[in-house]
Amino acid sequence: MKLEDIDLAETGIEATVTGLTYFGHQQMVTLSLADETTVRARWRPGVTVSTGQQVHIRAGGNIHAFPRE
């Protein structure tokens, strides 16, 4: 799954924003899920979140799943 495939959503998987890094007009957002899984997402300009904020995320785009080895 690409970083760009994780979207902010009204409903979906609950996550906490644990870090923000800015790359010009985009931002890399680090999120922690309830089971302590870390997820990273790359969001476009205009998406405003802050560290510690509770959000919902969802996967968009063409997602390809591969079996665990």
C-alpha atoms as a PDB file:
ATOM      1  CA  MET A   1       0.000   0.000   0.000  1.00  0.00           C
ATOM      2  CA  LYS A   2       1.335   3.415  -0.882  1.00  0.00           C
ATOM      3  CA  LEU A   3       1.513   6.226   1.654  1.00  0.00           C
ATOM      4  CA  GLU A   4      -0.842   8.235  -0.564  1.00  0.00           C
ATOM      5  CA  ASP A   5      -3.507   5.494  -0.300  1.00  0.00           C
ATOM      6  CA  ILE A   6      -4.297   6.298   3.349  1.00  0.00           C
ATOM      7  CA  ASP A   7      -6.970   8.985   3.562  1.00  0.00           C
ATOM      8  CA  LEU A   8      -8.493  10.994   6.378  1.00  0.00           C
ATOM      9  CA  ALA A   9     -12.164  10.014   6.720  1.00  0.00           C
ATOM     10  CA  GLU A  10     -15.331  10.844   8.661  1.00  0.00           C
ATOM     11  CA  THR A  11     -15.594   7.197   9.731  1.00  0.00           C
ATOM     12  CA  GLY A  12     -13.189   4.299   9.529  1.00  0.00           C
ATOM     13  CA  ILE A  13     -10.232   3.031  11.520  1.00  0.00           C
ATOM     14  CA  GLU A  14      -9.537   5.124  14.615  1.00  0.00           C
ATOM     15  CA  ALA A  15      -5.996   6.466  14.894  1.00  0.00           C
ATOM     16  CA  THR A  16      -3.984   8.998  16.873  1.00  0.00           C
ATOM     17  CA  VAL A  17      -1.629  11.412  15.119  1.00  0.00           C
ATOM     18  CA  THR A  18       1.806  10.854  16.677  1.00  0.00           C
ATOM     19  CA  GLY A  19       4.002  12.832  14.297  1.00  0.00           C
ATOM     20  CA  LEU A  20       4.035  15.325  11.439  1.00  0.00           C
ATOM     21  CA  THR A  21       6.813  16.057   8.953  1.00  0.00           C
ATOM     22  CA  TYR A  22       6.397  18.598   6.177  1.00  0.00           C
ATOM     23  CA  PHE A  23       7.841  18.109   2.676  1.00  0.00           C
ATOM     24  CA  GLY A  24       7.083  21.315   0.827  1.00  0.00           C
ATOM     25  CA  HIS A  25       3.380  21.204   0.043  1.00  0.00           C
ATOM     26  CA  GLN A  26       2.828  17.662   1.379  1.00  0.00           C
ATOM     27  CA  GLN A  27       2.989  16.271   4.881  1.00  0.00           C
ATOM     28  CA  MET A  28       4.028  12.875   6.213  1.00  0.00           C
ATOM     29  CA  VAL A  29       1.705  11.899   9.053  1.00  0.00           C
ATOM     30  CA  THR A  30       2.587   9.160  11.537  1.00  0.00           C
ATOM     31  CA  LEU A  31      -0.426   7.499  13.139  1.00  0.00           C
ATOM     32  CA  SER A  32      -0.864   4.969  15.930  1.00  0.00           C
ATOM     33  CA  LEU A  33      -3.774   2.519  15.812  1.00  0.00           C
ATOM     34  CA  ALA A  34      -5.530   1.079  18.892  1.00  0.00           C
ATOM     35  CA  ASP A  35      -3.404  -2.096  18.692  1.00  0.00           C
ATOM     36  CA  GLU A  36      -0.247   0.098  18.634  1.00  0.00           C
ATOM     37  CA  THR A  37       0.395  -0.515  14.928  1.00  0.00           C
ATOM     38  CA  THR A  38       2.200   2.449  13.352  1.00  0.00           C
ATOM     39  CA  VAL A  39       0.883   3.708  10.022  1.00  0.00           C
ATOM     40  CA  ARG A  40       2.390   6.440   7.867  1.00  0.00           C
ATOM     41  CA  ALA A  41       0.437   8.485   5.369  1.00  0.00           C
ATOM     42  CA  ARG A  42       1.313  11.245   2.908  1.00  0.00           C
ATOM     43  CA  TRP A  43      -1.401  13.887   2.755  1.00  0.00           C
ATOM     44  CA  ARG A  44      -1.946  16.766   0.375  1.00  0.00           C
ATOM     45  CA  PRO A  45      -2.088  20.427   1.285  1.00  0.00           C
ATOM     46  CA  GLY A  46      -5.256  21.525   3.027  1.00  0.00           C
ATOM     47  CA  VAL A  47      -5.447  18.521   5.363  1.00  0.00           C
ATOM     48  CA  THR A  48      -4.911  19.970   8.833  1.00  0.00           C
ATOM     49  CA  VAL A  49      -4.174  17.709  11.800  1.00  0.00           C
ATOM     50  CA  SER A  50      -2.091  18.090  14.931  1.00  0.00           C
ATOM     51  CA  THR A  51      -0.049  15.746  17.106  1.00  0.00           C
ATOM     52  CA  GLY A  52      -2.278  13.954  19.613  1.00  0.00           C
ATOM     53  CA  GLN A  53      -5.414  14.433  17.530  1.00  0.00           C
ATOM     54  CA  GLN A  54      -7.820  11.501  17.194  1.00  0.00           C
ATOM     55  CA  VAL A  55      -8.774  10.856  13.552  1.00  0.00           C
ATOM     56  CA  HIS A  56     -10.360   8.211  11.335  1.00  0.00           C
ATOM     57  CA  ILE A  57      -8.536   6.807   8.330  1.00  0.00           C
ATOM     58  CA  ARG A  58      -9.387   4.572   5.401  1.00  0.00           C
ATOM     59  CA  ALA A  59      -7.524   3.017   2.503  1.00  0.00           C
ATOM     60  CA  GLY A  60      -8.314   4.291  -0.971  1.00  0.00           C
ATOM     61  CA  GLY A  61      -6.981   3.715  -4.448  1.00  0.00           C
ATOM     62  CA  ASN A  62      -5.906   0.352  -5.816  1.00  0.00           C
ATOM     63  CA  ILE A  63      -4.770  -1.723  -2.842  1.00  0.00           C
ATOM     64  CA  HIS A  64      -2.876  -4.962  -3.469  1.00  0.00           C
ATOM     65  CA  ALA A  65      -2.612  -7.482  -0.632  1.00  0.00           C
ATOM     66  CA  PHE A  66       0.177 -10.046  -0.392  1.00  0.00           C
ATOM     67  CA  PRO A  67       0.328 -13.047   1.956  1.00  0.00           C
ATOM     68  CA  ARG A  68       2.635 -12.860   4.966  1.00  0.00           C
ATOM     69  CA  GLU A  69       5.732 -14.953   4.595  1.00  0.00           C
END
